[in-house]
Amino acid sequence: MRLFSKEELSKYDGSDGNPTYIAYNGKVYDVSSAPNWIDGSHFEHFAGDDLTGAVDDAPHGDEVMAGFPVVGELAS
């Protein structure tokens, strides 16, 4: 499993042809295929970041992450 630093994760922001990755609870997910993540943003959230705390304010729970492939882990 690939280990991502926060700096490395920030490069996967969905811009310039880069994949759209987000971290959640220590795992890094590829959300590139999600229609809600067009151009690397989803409402006020941006790809290439750890969104663990953001799900607390979302209208959905963490079950939504089950639909996306895990591509690595976020280094602590």
PDB file of N, CA and C in Angstrom:
ATOM      1  N   MET A   1       0.861  -1.167   0.000  1.00  0.00           N
ATOM      2  CA  MET A   1       0.000   0.000   0.000  1.00  0.00           C
ATOM      3  C   MET A   1       0.908   1.230   0.000  1.00  0.00           C
ATOM      4  N   ARG A   2       0.584   2.171  -0.840  1.00  0.00           N
ATOM      5  CA  ARG A   2       1.378   3.397  -0.964  1.00  0.00           C
ATOM      6  C   ARG A   2       1.122   4.319   0.229  1.00  0.00           C
ATOM      7  N   LEU A   3       2.187   4.943   0.728  1.00  0.00           N
ATOM      8  CA  LEU A   3       2.084   5.877   1.833  1.00  0.00           C
ATOM      9  C   LEU A   3       2.249   7.300   1.293  1.00  0.00           C
ATOM     10  N   PHE A   4       1.263   8.159   1.560  1.00  0.00           N
ATOM     11  CA  PHE A   4       1.257   9.541   1.090  1.00  0.00           C
ATOM     12  C   PHE A   4       1.559  10.492   2.243  1.00  0.00           C
ATOM     13  N   SER A   5       2.467  11.414   2.030  1.00  0.00           N
ATOM     14  CA  SER A   5       2.618  12.526   2.966  1.00  0.00           C
ATOM     15  C   SER A   5       1.528  13.539   2.612  1.00  0.00           C
ATOM     16  N   LYS A   6       1.259  14.485   3.504  1.00  0.00           N
ATOM     17  CA  LYS A   6       0.263  15.522   3.193  1.00  0.00           C
ATOM     18  C   LYS A   6       0.709  16.342   1.990  1.00  0.00           C
ATOM     19  N   GLU A   7       2.006  16.578   1.886  1.00  0.00           N
ATOM     20  CA  GLU A   7       2.536  17.343   0.747  1.00  0.00           C
ATOM     21  C   GLU A   7       2.326  16.583  -0.557  1.00  0.00           C
ATOM     22  N   GLU A   8       2.588  15.284  -0.538  1.00  0.00           N
ATOM     23  CA  GLU A   8       2.401  14.495  -1.747  1.00  0.00           C
ATOM     24  C   GLU A   8       0.925  14.409  -2.121  1.00  0.00           C
ATOM     25  N   LEU A   9       0.063  14.214  -1.140  1.00  0.00           N
ATOM     26  CA  LEU A   9      -1.375  14.139  -1.397  1.00  0.00           C
ATOM     27  C   LEU A   9      -1.879  15.412  -2.061  1.00  0.00           C
ATOM     28  N   SER A  10      -1.329  16.553  -1.683  1.00  0.00           N
ATOM     29  CA  SER A  10      -1.796  17.830  -2.225  1.00  0.00           C
ATOM     30  C   SER A  10      -1.617  17.937  -3.739  1.00  0.00           C
ATOM     31  N   LYS A  11      -0.746  17.128  -4.322  1.00  0.00           N
ATOM     32  CA  LYS A  11      -0.531  17.139  -5.770  1.00  0.00           C
ATOM     33  C   LYS A  11      -1.678  16.480  -6.529  1.00  0.00           C
ATOM     34  N   TYR A  12      -2.475  15.682  -5.843  1.00  0.00           N
ATOM     35  CA  TYR A  12      -3.585  14.957  -6.472  1.00  0.00           C
ATOM     36  C   TYR A  12      -4.885  15.721  -6.259  1.00  0.00           C
ATOM     37  N   ASP A  13      -4.906  16.912  -6.829  1.00  0.00           N
ATOM     38  CA  ASP A  13      -6.028  17.835  -6.613  1.00  0.00           C
ATOM     39  C   ASP A  13      -7.009  17.911  -7.772  1.00  0.00           C
ATOM     40  N   GLY A  14      -6.845  17.044  -8.750  1.00  0.00           N
ATOM     41  CA  GLY A  14      -7.768  17.013  -9.883  1.00  0.00           C
ATOM     42  C   GLY A  14      -7.483  18.055 -10.953  1.00  0.00           C
ATOM     43  N   SER A  15      -6.428  18.836 -10.795  1.00  0.00           N
ATOM     44  CA  SER A  15      -6.105  19.849 -11.793  1.00  0.00           C
ATOM     45  C   SER A  15      -5.042  19.343 -12.758  1.00  0.00           C
ATOM     46  N   ASP A  16      -4.980  19.945 -13.924  1.00  0.00           N
ATOM     47  CA  ASP A  16      -3.948  19.634 -14.930  1.00  0.00           C
ATOM     48  C   ASP A  16      -3.840  18.150 -15.246  1.00  0.00           C
ATOM     49  N   GLY A  17      -4.958  17.460 -15.254  1.00  0.00           N
ATOM     50  CA  GLY A  17      -4.972  16.040 -15.590  1.00  0.00           C
ATOM     51  C   GLY A  17      -4.596  15.112 -14.450  1.00  0.00           C
ATOM     52  N   ASN A  18      -4.338  15.655 -13.257  1.00  0.00           N
ATOM     53  CA  ASN A  18      -4.012  14.821 -12.097  1.00  0.00           C
ATOM     54  C   ASN A  18      -5.266  14.123 -11.575  1.00  0.00           C
ATOM     55  N   PRO A  19      -5.096  12.923 -11.007  1.00  0.00           N
ATOM     56  CA  PRO A  19      -6.232  12.262 -10.362  1.00  0.00           C
ATOM     57  C   PRO A  19      -6.734  13.102  -9.182  1.00  0.00           C
ATOM     58  N   THR A  20      -7.933  12.794  -8.741  1.00  0.00           N
ATOM     59  CA  THR A  20      -8.560  13.489  -7.627  1.00  0.00           C
ATOM     60  C   THR A  20      -8.575  12.553  -6.425  1.00  0.00           C
ATOM     61  N   TYR A  21      -7.683  12.817  -5.469  1.00  0.00           N
ATOM     62  CA  TYR A  21      -7.559  11.993  -4.269  1.00  0.00           C
ATOM     63  C   TYR A  21      -7.937  12.813  -3.045  1.00  0.00           C
ATOM     64  N   ILE A  22      -8.549  12.125  -2.075  1.00  0.00           N
ATOM     65  CA  ILE A  22      -8.801  12.719  -0.767  1.00  0.00           C
ATOM     66  C   ILE A  22      -8.420  11.695   0.294  1.00  0.00           C
ATOM     67  N   ALA A  23      -8.082  12.184   1.466  1.00  0.00           N
ATOM     68  CA  ALA A  23      -7.807  11.295   2.593  1.00  0.00           C
ATOM     69  C   ALA A  23      -8.993  11.348   3.546  1.00  0.00           C
ATOM     70  N   TYR A  24      -9.264  10.186   4.148  1.00  0.00           N
ATOM     71  CA  TYR A  24     -10.322  10.099   5.144  1.00  0.00           C
ATOM     72  C   TYR A  24      -9.968   8.965   6.108  1.00  0.00           C
ATOM     73  N   ASN A  25      -9.907   9.289   7.370  1.00  0.00           N
ATOM     74  CA  ASN A  25      -9.580   8.312   8.413  1.00  0.00           C
ATOM     75  C   ASN A  25      -8.321   7.510   8.101  1.00  0.00           C
ATOM     76  N   GLY A  26      -7.297   8.189   7.617  1.00  0.00           N
ATOM     77  CA  GLY A  26      -6.014   7.555   7.392  1.00  0.00           C
ATOM     78  C   GLY A  26      -5.846   6.860   6.053  1.00  0.00           C
ATOM     79  N   LYS A  27      -6.918   6.730   5.290  1.00  0.00           N
ATOM     80  CA  LYS A  27      -6.844   6.107   3.973  1.00  0.00           C
ATOM     81  C   LYS A  27      -6.945   7.176   2.891  1.00  0.00           C
ATOM     82  N   VAL A  28      -6.313   6.914   1.744  1.00  0.00           N
ATOM     83  CA  VAL A  28      -6.388   7.832   0.603  1.00  0.00           C
ATOM     84  C   VAL A  28      -7.278   7.182  -0.455  1.00  0.00           C
ATOM     85  N   TYR A  29      -8.288   7.918  -0.874  1.00  0.00           N
ATOM     86  CA  TYR A  29      -9.280   7.423  -1.829  1.00  0.00           C
ATOM     87  C   TYR A  29      -9.156   8.158  -3.157  1.00  0.00           C
ATOM     88  N   ASP A  30      -9.393   7.435  -4.235  1.00  0.00           N
ATOM     89  CA  ASP A  30      -9.454   8.033  -5.570  1.00  0.00           C
ATOM     90  C   ASP A  30     -10.915   8.332  -5.871  1.00  0.00           C
ATOM     91  N   VAL A  31     -11.265   9.615  -5.876  1.00  0.00           N
ATOM     92  CA  VAL A  31     -12.648  10.034  -6.151  1.00  0.00           C
ATOM     93  C   VAL A  31     -12.780  10.646  -7.543  1.00  0.00           C
ATOM     94  N   SER A  32     -11.808  10.362  -8.407  1.00  0.00           N
ATOM     95  CA  SER A  32     -11.781  10.933  -9.763  1.00  0.00           C
ATOM     96  C   SER A  32     -13.052  10.651 -10.550  1.00  0.00           C
ATOM     97  N   SER A  33     -13.666   9.503 -10.308  1.00  0.00           N
ATOM     98  CA  SER A  33     -14.853   9.116 -11.082  1.00  0.00           C
ATOM     99  C   SER A  33     -16.150   9.710 -10.545  1.00  0.00           C
ATOM    100  N   ALA A  34     -16.099  10.377  -9.415  1.00  0.00           N
ATOM    101  CA  ALA A  34     -17.316  10.909  -8.796  1.00  0.00           C
ATOM    102  C   ALA A  34     -17.767  12.183  -9.495  1.00  0.00           C
ATOM    103  N   PRO A  35     -19.007  12.233  -9.947  1.00  0.00           N
ATOM    104  CA  PRO A  35     -19.499  13.444 -10.613  1.00  0.00           C
ATOM    105  C   PRO A  35     -19.529  14.657  -9.687  1.00  0.00           C
ATOM    106  N   ASN A  36     -19.558  14.454  -8.379  1.00  0.00           N
ATOM    107  CA  ASN A  36     -19.569  15.560  -7.421  1.00  0.00           C
ATOM    108  C   ASN A  36     -18.183  16.145  -7.172  1.00  0.00           C
ATOM    109  N   TRP A  37     -17.155  15.549  -7.768  1.00  0.00           N
ATOM    110  CA  TRP A  37     -15.788  16.029  -7.582  1.00  0.00           C
ATOM    111  C   TRP A  37     -15.215  16.584  -8.871  1.00  0.00           C
ATOM    112  N   ILE A  38     -16.003  17.266  -9.653  1.00  0.00           N
ATOM    113  CA  ILE A  38     -15.550  17.879 -10.901  1.00  0.00           C
ATOM    114  C   ILE A  38     -14.524  18.967 -10.592  1.00  0.00           C
ATOM    115  N   ASP A  39     -13.439  18.957 -11.337  1.00  0.00           N
ATOM    116  CA  ASP A  39     -12.369  19.957 -11.191  1.00  0.00           C
ATOM    117  C   ASP A  39     -11.754  19.988  -9.788  1.00  0.00           C
ATOM    118  N   GLY A  40     -11.840  18.884  -9.055  1.00  0.00           N
ATOM    119  CA  GLY A  40     -11.159  18.783  -7.771  1.00  0.00           C
ATOM    120  C   GLY A  40     -11.828  19.471  -6.605  1.00  0.00           C
ATOM    121  N   SER A  41     -13.092  19.836  -6.763  1.00  0.00           N
ATOM    122  CA  SER A  41     -13.792  20.440  -5.626  1.00  0.00           C
ATOM    123  C   SER A  41     -15.180  19.823  -5.476  1.00  0.00           C
ATOM    124  N   HIS A  42     -15.637  19.832  -4.240  1.00  0.00           N
ATOM    125  CA  HIS A  42     -16.945  19.280  -3.886  1.00  0.00           C
ATOM    126  C   HIS A  42     -17.523  20.224  -2.827  1.00  0.00           C
ATOM    127  N   PHE A  43     -18.433  21.062  -3.257  1.00  0.00           N
ATOM    128  CA  PHE A  43     -18.955  22.136  -2.416  1.00  0.00           C
ATOM    129  C   PHE A  43     -17.772  22.973  -1.927  1.00  0.00           C
ATOM    130  N   GLU A  44     -17.563  23.106  -0.622  1.00  0.00           N
ATOM    131  CA  GLU A  44     -16.451  23.931  -0.135  1.00  0.00           C
ATOM    132  C   GLU A  44     -15.191  23.127   0.178  1.00  0.00           C
ATOM    133  N   HIS A  45     -15.149  21.869  -0.260  1.00  0.00           N
ATOM    134  CA  HIS A  45     -14.018  20.988   0.007  1.00  0.00           C
ATOM    135  C   HIS A  45     -13.168  20.827  -1.253  1.00  0.00           C
ATOM    136  N   PHE A  46     -11.879  20.616  -1.039  1.00  0.00           N
ATOM    137  CA  PHE A  46     -10.955  20.505  -2.166  1.00  0.00           C
ATOM    138  C   PHE A  46     -10.164  19.213  -2.089  1.00  0.00           C
ATOM    139  N   ALA A  47      -9.932  18.622  -3.250  1.00  0.00           N
ATOM    140  CA  ALA A  47      -9.162  17.396  -3.350  1.00  0.00           C
ATOM    141  C   ALA A  47      -7.708  17.671  -2.982  1.00  0.00           C
ATOM    142  N   GLY A  48      -6.999  16.598  -2.685  1.00  0.00           N
ATOM    143  CA  GLY A  48      -5.608  16.717  -2.288  1.00  0.00           C
ATOM    144  C   GLY A  48      -5.460  17.056  -0.816  1.00  0.00           C
ATOM    145  N   ASP A  49      -6.512  16.815  -0.036  1.00  0.00           N
ATOM    146  CA  ASP A  49      -6.512  17.193   1.372  1.00  0.00           C
ATOM    147  C   ASP A  49      -7.108  16.070   2.223  1.00  0.00           C
ATOM    148  N   ASP A  50      -6.870  16.149   3.518  1.00  0.00           N
ATOM    149  CA  ASP A  50      -7.463  15.223   4.478  1.00  0.00           C
ATOM    150  C   ASP A  50      -8.825  15.777   4.872  1.00  0.00           C
ATOM    151  N   LEU A  51      -9.878  15.067   4.530  1.00  0.00           N
ATOM    152  CA  LEU A  51     -11.236  15.544   4.790  1.00  0.00           C
ATOM    153  C   LEU A  51     -11.914  14.793   5.928  1.00  0.00           C
ATOM    154  N   THR A  52     -11.119  14.200   6.797  1.00  0.00           N
ATOM    155  CA  THR A  52     -11.682  13.417   7.897  1.00  0.00           C
ATOM    156  C   THR A  52     -12.690  14.222   8.709  1.00  0.00           C
ATOM    157  N   GLY A  53     -12.354  15.411   9.122  1.00  0.00           N
ATOM    158  CA  GLY A  53     -13.266  16.223   9.934  1.00  0.00           C
ATOM    159  C   GLY A  53     -14.440  16.773   9.159  1.00  0.00           C
ATOM    160  N   ALA A  54     -14.312  16.881   7.863  1.00  0.00           N
ATOM    161  CA  ALA A  54     -15.367  17.484   7.036  1.00  0.00           C
ATOM    162  C   ALA A  54     -16.604  16.611   6.943  1.00  0.00           C
ATOM    163  N   VAL A  55     -16.460  15.316   7.070  1.00  0.00           N
ATOM    164  CA  VAL A  55     -17.617  14.422   6.942  1.00  0.00           C
ATOM    165  C   VAL A  55     -18.595  14.641   8.097  1.00  0.00           C
ATOM    166  N   ASP A  56     -18.104  15.122   9.221  1.00  0.00           N
ATOM    167  CA  ASP A  56     -18.994  15.402  10.359  1.00  0.00           C
ATOM    168  C   ASP A  56     -20.075  16.409   9.992  1.00  0.00           C
ATOM    169  N   ASP A  57     -19.765  17.323   9.065  1.00  0.00           N
ATOM    170  CA  ASP A  57     -20.719  18.355   8.657  1.00  0.00           C
ATOM    171  C   ASP A  57     -21.466  18.002   7.372  1.00  0.00           C
ATOM    172  N   ALA A  58     -21.183  16.842   6.802  1.00  0.00           N
ATOM    173  CA  ALA A  58     -21.784  16.446   5.518  1.00  0.00           C
ATOM    174  C   ALA A  58     -23.184  15.853   5.726  1.00  0.00           C
ATOM    175  N   PRO A  59     -24.004  15.893   4.680  1.00  0.00           N
ATOM    176  CA  PRO A  59     -25.341  15.299   4.774  1.00  0.00           C
ATOM    177  C   PRO A  59     -25.313  13.776   4.631  1.00  0.00           C
ATOM    178  N   HIS A  60     -24.115  13.203   4.570  1.00  0.00           N
ATOM    179  CA  HIS A  60     -23.957  11.746   4.482  1.00  0.00           C
ATOM    180  C   HIS A  60     -22.904  11.329   5.498  1.00  0.00           C
ATOM    181  N   GLY A  61     -22.842  10.033   5.758  1.00  0.00           N
ATOM    182  CA  GLY A  61     -21.843   9.500   6.671  1.00  0.00           C
ATOM    183  C   GLY A  61     -20.659   8.933   5.917  1.00  0.00           C
ATOM    184  N   ASP A  62     -19.807   8.238   6.639  1.00  0.00           N
ATOM    185  CA  ASP A  62     -18.610   7.691   6.017  1.00  0.00           C
ATOM    186  C   ASP A  62     -18.879   6.512   5.095  1.00  0.00           C
ATOM    187  N   GLU A  63     -20.114   6.034   5.055  1.00  0.00           N
ATOM    188  CA  GLU A  63     -20.458   4.929   4.150  1.00  0.00           C
ATOM    189  C   GLU A  63     -20.251   5.310   2.690  1.00  0.00           C
ATOM    190  N   VAL A  64     -20.277   6.597   2.381  1.00  0.00           N
ATOM    191  CA  VAL A  64     -20.078   7.051   1.010  1.00  0.00           C
ATOM    192  C   VAL A  64     -18.673   6.688   0.512  1.00  0.00           C
ATOM    193  N   MET A  65     -17.703   6.563   1.415  1.00  0.00           N
ATOM    194  CA  MET A  65     -16.327   6.254   1.018  1.00  0.00           C
ATOM    195  C   MET A  65     -16.191   4.817   0.511  1.00  0.00           C
ATOM    196  N   ALA A  66     -17.100   3.954   0.863  1.00  0.00           N
ATOM    197  CA  ALA A  66     -17.027   2.553   0.444  1.00  0.00           C
ATOM    198  C   ALA A  66     -17.116   2.394  -1.073  1.00  0.00           C
ATOM    199  N   GLY A  67     -17.621   3.389  -1.761  1.00  0.00           N
ATOM    200  CA  GLY A  67     -17.769   3.310  -3.206  1.00  0.00           C
ATOM    201  C   GLY A  67     -16.529   3.716  -3.991  1.00  0.00           C
ATOM    202  N   PHE A  68     -15.463   4.091  -3.301  1.00  0.00           N
ATOM    203  CA  PHE A  68     -14.254   4.569  -3.991  1.00  0.00           C
ATOM    204  C   PHE A  68     -13.052   3.686  -3.665  1.00  0.00           C
ATOM    205  N   PRO A  69     -12.170   3.524  -4.655  1.00  0.00           N
ATOM    206  CA  PRO A  69     -10.995   2.685  -4.410  1.00  0.00           C
ATOM    207  C   PRO A  69     -10.004   3.355  -3.460  1.00  0.00           C
ATOM    208  N   VAL A  70      -9.426   2.555  -2.580  1.00  0.00           N
ATOM    209  CA  VAL A  70      -8.365   3.014  -1.700  1.00  0.00           C
ATOM    210  C   VAL A  70      -7.056   2.870  -2.463  1.00  0.00           C
ATOM    211  N   VAL A  71      -6.296   3.963  -2.543  1.00  0.00           N
ATOM    212  CA  VAL A  71      -5.032   3.947  -3.295  1.00  0.00           C
ATOM    213  C   VAL A  71      -3.816   4.059  -2.380  1.00  0.00           C
ATOM    214  N   GLY A  72      -4.048   4.219  -1.087  1.00  0.00           N
ATOM    215  CA  GLY A  72      -2.930   4.292  -0.165  1.00  0.00           C
ATOM    216  C   GLY A  72      -3.372   4.718   1.216  1.00  0.00           C
ATOM    217  N   GLU A  73      -2.364   5.061   2.020  1.00  0.00           N
ATOM    218  CA  GLU A  73      -2.601   5.526   3.382  1.00  0.00           C
ATOM    219  C   GLU A  73      -1.932   6.879   3.568  1.00  0.00           C
ATOM    220  N   LEU A  74      -2.486   7.683   4.463  1.00  0.00           N
ATOM    221  CA  LEU A  74      -1.926   8.988   4.759  1.00  0.00           C
ATOM    222  C   LEU A  74      -0.975   8.867   5.938  1.00  0.00           C
ATOM    223  N   ALA A  75       0.248   9.324   5.752  1.00  0.00           N
ATOM    224  CA  ALA A  75       1.225   9.290   6.837  1.00  0.00           C
ATOM    225  C   ALA A  75       0.773  10.225   7.944  1.00  0.00           C
ATOM    226  N   SER A  76       0.984   9.793   9.171  1.00  0.00           N
ATOM    227  CA  SER A  76       0.556  10.627  10.300  1.00  0.00           C
ATOM    228  C   SER A  76       1.655  11.548  10.768  1.00  0.00           C
TER     229      SER A  76
END
